[in-house]
Structures are given as structure tokens and as C-alpha cells.
């Protein structure tokens, strides 16, 4: 699955500092969340797709590491991002 450039720019514009700011932690977490939601929907239809399942587990781990980093760096941004994305711990 590839996100279109317009979708990525919209995500980074909403959660990052600008649409070209692809390195911010908040933007990366939002992008991972979008990809995780897509893969979750795919796996609901294709239960035996183990390659996708592995990719999903990898993405969840990457997102968890970024969220832990953000929580240690700025707890208020972490709480705001969790609430806005609908992620619960």
C-alpha cells in the first residue's frame, strides 16, 4: 500500500509543522497510524496474509517507540496526539 503524495502532505500539514515537515515525531506517528489502519482493514479480509501481519507488527512497534520518545520529551504533545488520533495505550 502506498499513500499518495497528496494524502501524505495532508497528514504532515495537519500533524507536522508544515506539509514539507516529514521528520517531526507527530507527523511520523500520524503517518504510521494511517498505514496501520489500512493494514488492519486488509487483514480483516485476508486472515492468512502473514507477510502483511508481520509488516503490521513492525509498524506498531515503530509507532510505539516514537510515542515513547514523544512521551519522554513532551508529555502534553503526547497526550494531545493520542487524543487526536484516537490511539489508546
C-alpha atoms as a PDB file:
ATOM      1  CA  UNK A   1       0.000   0.000   0.000  1.00  0.00           C
ATOM      2  CA  UNK A   2       1.308   3.366  -0.894  1.00  0.00           C
ATOM      3  CA  UNK A   3      -0.191   6.613   0.207  1.00  0.00           C
ATOM      4  CA  UNK A   4      -0.467   9.266  -2.445  1.00  0.00           C
ATOM      5  CA  UNK A   5       1.673  12.353  -2.129  1.00  0.00           C
ATOM      6  CA  UNK A   6      -1.400  14.490  -1.510  1.00  0.00           C
ATOM      7  CA  UNK A   7      -2.505  12.274   1.386  1.00  0.00           C
ATOM      8  CA  UNK A   8       0.957  12.377   2.959  1.00  0.00           C
ATOM      9  CA  UNK A   9       1.141  16.147   2.601  1.00  0.00           C
ATOM     10  CA  UNK A  10      -2.292  16.499   4.202  1.00  0.00           C
ATOM     11  CA  UNK A  11      -1.206  14.324   7.135  1.00  0.00           C
ATOM     12  CA  UNK A  12       2.034  16.238   7.625  1.00  0.00           C
ATOM     13  CA  UNK A  13       0.244  19.575   7.252  1.00  0.00           C
ATOM     14  CA  UNK A  14      -2.256  18.612   9.933  1.00  0.00           C
ATOM     15  CA  UNK A  15       0.109  16.999  12.427  1.00  0.00           C
ATOM     16  CA  UNK A  16       3.539  18.398  11.489  1.00  0.00           C
ATOM     17  CA  UNK A  17       4.763  21.939  11.437  1.00  0.00           C
ATOM     18  CA  UNK A  18       4.214  22.217   7.664  1.00  0.00           C
ATOM     19  CA  UNK A  19       3.351  19.972   4.729  1.00  0.00           C
ATOM     20  CA  UNK A  20       7.050  19.528   3.946  1.00  0.00           C
ATOM     21  CA  UNK A  21       7.992  18.679   7.533  1.00  0.00           C
ATOM     22  CA  UNK A  22       8.284  14.899   7.250  1.00  0.00           C
ATOM     23  CA  UNK A  23      10.691  14.459  10.148  1.00  0.00           C
ATOM     24  CA  UNK A  24       8.549  15.588  13.061  1.00  0.00           C
ATOM     25  CA  UNK A  25       7.631  12.882  15.525  1.00  0.00           C
ATOM     26  CA  UNK A  26       3.955  13.827  15.455  1.00  0.00           C
ATOM     27  CA  UNK A  27       3.827  13.624  11.655  1.00  0.00           C
ATOM     28  CA  UNK A  28       5.538  10.253  11.569  1.00  0.00           C
ATOM     29  CA  UNK A  29       3.201   8.835  14.208  1.00  0.00           C
ATOM     30  CA  UNK A  30       0.187  10.082  12.247  1.00  0.00           C
ATOM     31  CA  UNK A  31       1.541   8.528   9.037  1.00  0.00           C
ATOM     32  CA  UNK A  32       2.186   5.198  10.784  1.00  0.00           C
ATOM     33  CA  UNK A  33      -1.329   5.308  12.225  1.00  0.00           C
ATOM     34  CA  UNK A  34      -2.817   5.790   8.762  1.00  0.00           C
ATOM     35  CA  UNK A  35      -0.831   2.841   7.414  1.00  0.00           C
ATOM     36  CA  UNK A  36      -1.715   0.682  10.441  1.00  0.00           C
ATOM     37  CA  UNK A  37      -5.425   1.389   9.963  1.00  0.00           C
ATOM     38  CA  UNK A  38      -5.176   0.407   6.293  1.00  0.00           C
ATOM     39  CA  UNK A  39      -3.312  -2.828   7.040  1.00  0.00           C
ATOM     40  CA  UNK A  40      -5.774  -3.719   9.800  1.00  0.00           C
ATOM     41  CA  UNK A  41      -8.651  -3.439   7.352  1.00  0.00           C
ATOM     42  CA  UNK A  42      -6.756  -5.576   4.839  1.00  0.00           C
ATOM     43  CA  UNK A  43      -6.095  -8.277   7.425  1.00  0.00           C
ATOM     44  CA  UNK A  44      -9.762  -8.432   8.393  1.00  0.00           C
ATOM     45  CA  UNK A  45     -10.487  -9.600   4.843  1.00  0.00           C
ATOM     46  CA  UNK A  46      -7.330 -11.700   4.360  1.00  0.00           C
ATOM     47  CA  UNK A  47      -6.623 -13.541   7.599  1.00  0.00           C
ATOM     48  CA  UNK A  48      -3.887 -15.754   6.122  1.00  0.00           C
ATOM     49  CA  UNK A  49      -1.745 -12.922   4.743  1.00  0.00           C
ATOM     50  CA  UNK A  50       1.178 -13.421   7.091  1.00  0.00           C
ATOM     51  CA  UNK A  51       3.525 -11.010   5.310  1.00  0.00           C
ATOM     52  CA  UNK A  52       1.073  -8.182   5.922  1.00  0.00           C
ATOM     53  CA  UNK A  53       0.639  -9.311   9.506  1.00  0.00           C
ATOM     54  CA  UNK A  54       4.386  -9.089  10.051  1.00  0.00           C
ATOM     55  CA  UNK A  55       4.506  -5.637   8.444  1.00  0.00           C
ATOM     56  CA  UNK A  56       1.680  -4.531  10.739  1.00  0.00           C
ATOM     57  CA  UNK A  57       3.512  -5.734  13.844  1.00  0.00           C
ATOM     58  CA  UNK A  58       6.658  -3.915  12.694  1.00  0.00           C
ATOM     59  CA  UNK A  59       4.749  -0.661  12.132  1.00  0.00           C
ATOM     60  CA  UNK A  60       3.075  -0.893  15.520  1.00  0.00           C
ATOM     61  CA  UNK A  61       6.488  -1.327  17.145  1.00  0.00           C
ATOM     62  CA  UNK A  62       7.935   1.666  15.313  1.00  0.00           C
ATOM     63  CA  UNK A  63       4.959   3.799  16.290  1.00  0.00           C
ATOM     64  CA  UNK A  64       5.255   2.666  19.922  1.00  0.00           C
ATOM     65  CA  UNK A  65       8.936   3.695  20.008  1.00  0.00           C
ATOM     66  CA  UNK A  66       8.127   7.118  18.581  1.00  0.00           C
ATOM     67  CA  UNK A  67       5.281   7.574  21.056  1.00  0.00           C
ATOM     68  CA  UNK A  68       7.563   6.611  23.957  1.00  0.00           C
ATOM     69  CA  UNK A  69      10.119   9.143  22.733  1.00  0.00           C
ATOM     70  CA  UNK A  70       7.460  11.850  22.478  1.00  0.00           C
ATOM     71  CA  UNK A  71       6.109  10.990  25.934  1.00  0.00           C
ATOM     72  CA  UNK A  72       9.568  11.406  27.463  1.00  0.00           C
ATOM     73  CA  UNK A  73      10.232  14.615  25.532  1.00  0.00           C
ATOM     74  CA  UNK A  74       6.887  16.448  25.868  1.00  0.00           C
ATOM     75  CA  UNK A  75       4.014  14.789  27.731  1.00  0.00           C
ATOM     76  CA  UNK A  76       1.457  17.442  26.690  1.00  0.00           C
ATOM     77  CA  UNK A  77       2.086  16.922  22.963  1.00  0.00           C
ATOM     78  CA  UNK A  78       1.912  13.169  23.555  1.00  0.00           C
ATOM     79  CA  UNK A  79      -1.487  13.389  25.250  1.00  0.00           C
ATOM     80  CA  UNK A  80      -2.823  15.737  22.589  1.00  0.00           C
ATOM     81  CA  UNK A  81      -1.646  13.472  19.770  1.00  0.00           C
ATOM     82  CA  UNK A  82      -3.077  10.335  21.390  1.00  0.00           C
ATOM     83  CA  UNK A  83      -6.436  12.038  21.810  1.00  0.00           C
ATOM     84  CA  UNK A  84      -6.486  13.452  18.270  1.00  0.00           C
ATOM     85  CA  UNK A  85      -5.517  10.159  16.588  1.00  0.00           C
ATOM     86  CA  UNK A  86      -7.764   8.052  18.779  1.00  0.00           C
ATOM     87  CA  UNK A  87      -4.931   5.819  19.976  1.00  0.00           C
ATOM     88  CA  UNK A  88      -5.188   4.335  23.414  1.00  0.00           C
ATOM     89  CA  UNK A  89      -2.413   2.708  25.343  1.00  0.00           C
END
